[in-house]
Amino acid sequence: MDEDTFTRQKMLQQEWDELCTREEVYWRQKSRELWLQEGDRNTKFFHATAKQKRASKTIFQINDADSGVSITNENLIQEEGVKFFKSLLAPNSTPSPSKAQVKELLETIPTMISS
């Protein structure tokens, strides 16, 4: 491939990327057009959209981590969530091995390299 062809191909690729970006922006704006017309006012459309979004983000049921039983009570769901993240983010309660324990473990491993 000669230099002119390469330069032309690179220019066309940049133009293609620009057109794809413009198309994406166009469709993003188009999708928001209805919202701007209908949703920004305190209308039935606005409230229906907000209600639908809230419902899709609500947790109605969760399984207990220990027993696997389904929990549907809102307060118990909250408690289970807190318990889960506390156990996930809490520092590890397992103590580190002592130097003597590490030495004992290392002595049980056969030596493969000799000096």
Protein backbone atom coordinates (compact mmCIF):
# COMPACT_ATOMS: atom_id res chain seq x y z
CA MET A 1 0.00 0.00 0.00
CA ASP A 2 1.49 3.34 -1.02
CA GLU A 3 1.57 6.51 1.10
CA ASP A 4 -1.37 8.23 -0.67
CA THR A 5 -3.62 5.20 -0.21
CA PHE A 6 -2.66 4.92 3.44
CA THR A 7 -3.31 8.64 4.05
CA ARG A 8 -6.66 8.44 2.25
CA GLN A 9 -7.66 5.35 4.24
CA LYS A 10 -6.73 7.05 7.52
CA MET A 11 -8.73 10.15 6.54
CA LEU A 12 -11.77 8.04 5.63
CA GLN A 13 -11.52 6.15 8.94
CA GLN A 14 -11.50 9.45 10.87
CA GLU A 15 -14.48 10.67 8.85
CA TRP A 16 -16.32 7.40 9.56
CA ASP A 17 -15.61 7.73 13.31
CA GLU A 18 -16.92 11.30 13.27
CA LEU A 19 -20.11 10.26 11.46
CA CYS A 20 -20.69 7.41 13.92
CA THR A 21 -20.26 9.83 16.82
CA ARG A 22 -22.71 12.28 15.26
CA GLU A 23 -25.25 9.51 14.71
CA GLU A 24 -24.93 8.40 18.33
CA VAL A 25 -25.46 11.98 19.55
CA TYR A 26 -28.46 12.34 17.21
CA TRP A 27 -30.17 9.21 18.58
CA ARG A 28 -29.39 10.16 22.18
CA GLN A 29 -30.98 13.58 21.64
CA LYS A 30 -33.93 12.02 19.81
CA SER A 31 -34.60 9.63 22.71
CA ARG A 32 -34.69 12.54 25.14
CA GLU A 33 -36.99 14.60 22.94
CA LEU A 34 -40.12 12.93 24.31
CA TRP A 35 -38.87 13.38 27.85
CA LEU A 36 -38.19 17.06 27.25
CA GLN A 37 -41.66 17.52 25.75
CA GLU A 38 -43.60 15.41 28.24
CA GLY A 39 -41.47 14.56 31.23
CA ASP A 40 -40.07 17.82 32.48
CA ARG A 41 -43.46 19.10 33.52
CA ASN A 42 -45.35 17.77 36.52
CA THR A 43 -47.48 15.52 34.32
CA LYS A 44 -48.94 12.04 34.38
CA PHE A 45 -46.08 10.95 32.09
CA PHE A 46 -43.49 12.26 34.55
CA HIS A 47 -45.07 10.51 37.54
CA ALA A 48 -45.54 7.23 35.65
CA THR A 49 -41.89 7.26 34.58
CA ALA A 50 -40.66 8.06 38.09
CA LYS A 51 -42.89 5.34 39.60
CA GLN A 52 -41.67 2.77 37.09
CA LYS A 53 -38.02 3.65 37.76
CA ARG A 54 -38.52 3.44 41.54
CA ALA A 55 -40.25 0.04 41.24
CA SER A 56 -37.48 -1.38 39.08
CA LYS A 57 -34.87 -0.45 41.71
CA THR A 58 -36.76 -1.88 44.70
CA ILE A 59 -35.73 -5.18 46.28
CA PHE A 60 -38.84 -7.16 47.21
CA GLN A 61 -37.17 -10.44 48.20
CA ILE A 62 -33.74 -11.66 49.23
CA ASN A 63 -32.35 -15.00 50.39
CA ASP A 64 -30.81 -15.31 53.84
CA ALA A 65 -27.09 -15.98 53.41
CA ASP A 66 -26.95 -18.57 56.19
CA SER A 67 -30.14 -20.57 55.75
CA GLY A 68 -31.14 -19.75 52.17
CA VAL A 69 -34.69 -18.87 53.29
CA SER A 70 -36.46 -16.14 51.30
CA ILE A 71 -36.99 -12.88 53.18
CA THR A 72 -39.79 -10.56 52.07
CA ASN A 73 -40.13 -8.28 55.10
CA GLU A 74 -38.66 -4.84 54.29
CA ASN A 75 -36.92 -4.45 57.67
CA LEU A 76 -35.44 -7.94 57.51
CA ILE A 77 -34.21 -7.29 53.96
CA GLN A 78 -32.44 -4.16 55.21
CA GLU A 79 -30.87 -6.07 58.12
CA GLU A 80 -29.69 -8.85 55.79
CA GLY A 81 -28.12 -6.26 53.47
CA VAL A 82 -26.29 -4.58 56.34
CA LYS A 83 -25.12 -7.98 57.66
CA PHE A 84 -23.86 -8.99 54.22
CA PHE A 85 -21.82 -5.83 53.65
CA LYS A 86 -20.45 -5.82 57.20
CA SER A 87 -19.16 -9.36 56.71
CA LEU A 88 -17.82 -8.44 53.26
CA LEU A 89 -16.04 -5.27 54.35
CA ALA A 90 -15.04 -6.21 57.91
CA PRO A 91 -11.38 -6.93 58.56
CA ASN A 92 -10.47 -10.58 58.44
CA SER A 93 -10.86 -11.99 61.96
CA THR A 94 -8.51 -14.91 61.35
CA PRO A 95 -5.25 -14.20 63.19
CA SER A 96 -2.01 -14.24 61.25
CA PRO A 97 0.25 -17.24 61.92
CA SER A 98 3.11 -16.72 64.33
CA LYS A 99 6.75 -16.96 63.27
CA ALA A 100 6.99 -20.32 65.02
CA GLN A 101 4.01 -21.66 63.07
CA VAL A 102 5.48 -20.45 59.78
CA LYS A 103 8.85 -22.02 60.65
CA GLU A 104 7.16 -25.31 61.55
CA LEU A 105 5.24 -25.31 58.26
CA LEU A 106 8.37 -24.57 56.24
CA GLU A 107 10.25 -27.40 57.95
CA THR A 108 7.64 -29.89 56.72
CA ILE A 109 8.31 -28.94 53.09
CA PRO A 110 11.15 -31.01 51.62
CA THR A 111 14.20 -29.09 50.46
CA MET A 112 14.65 -29.40 46.70
CA ILE A 113 17.75 -27.23 46.24
CA SER A 114 20.97 -27.95 48.02
CA SER A 115 23.88 -25.58 48.38
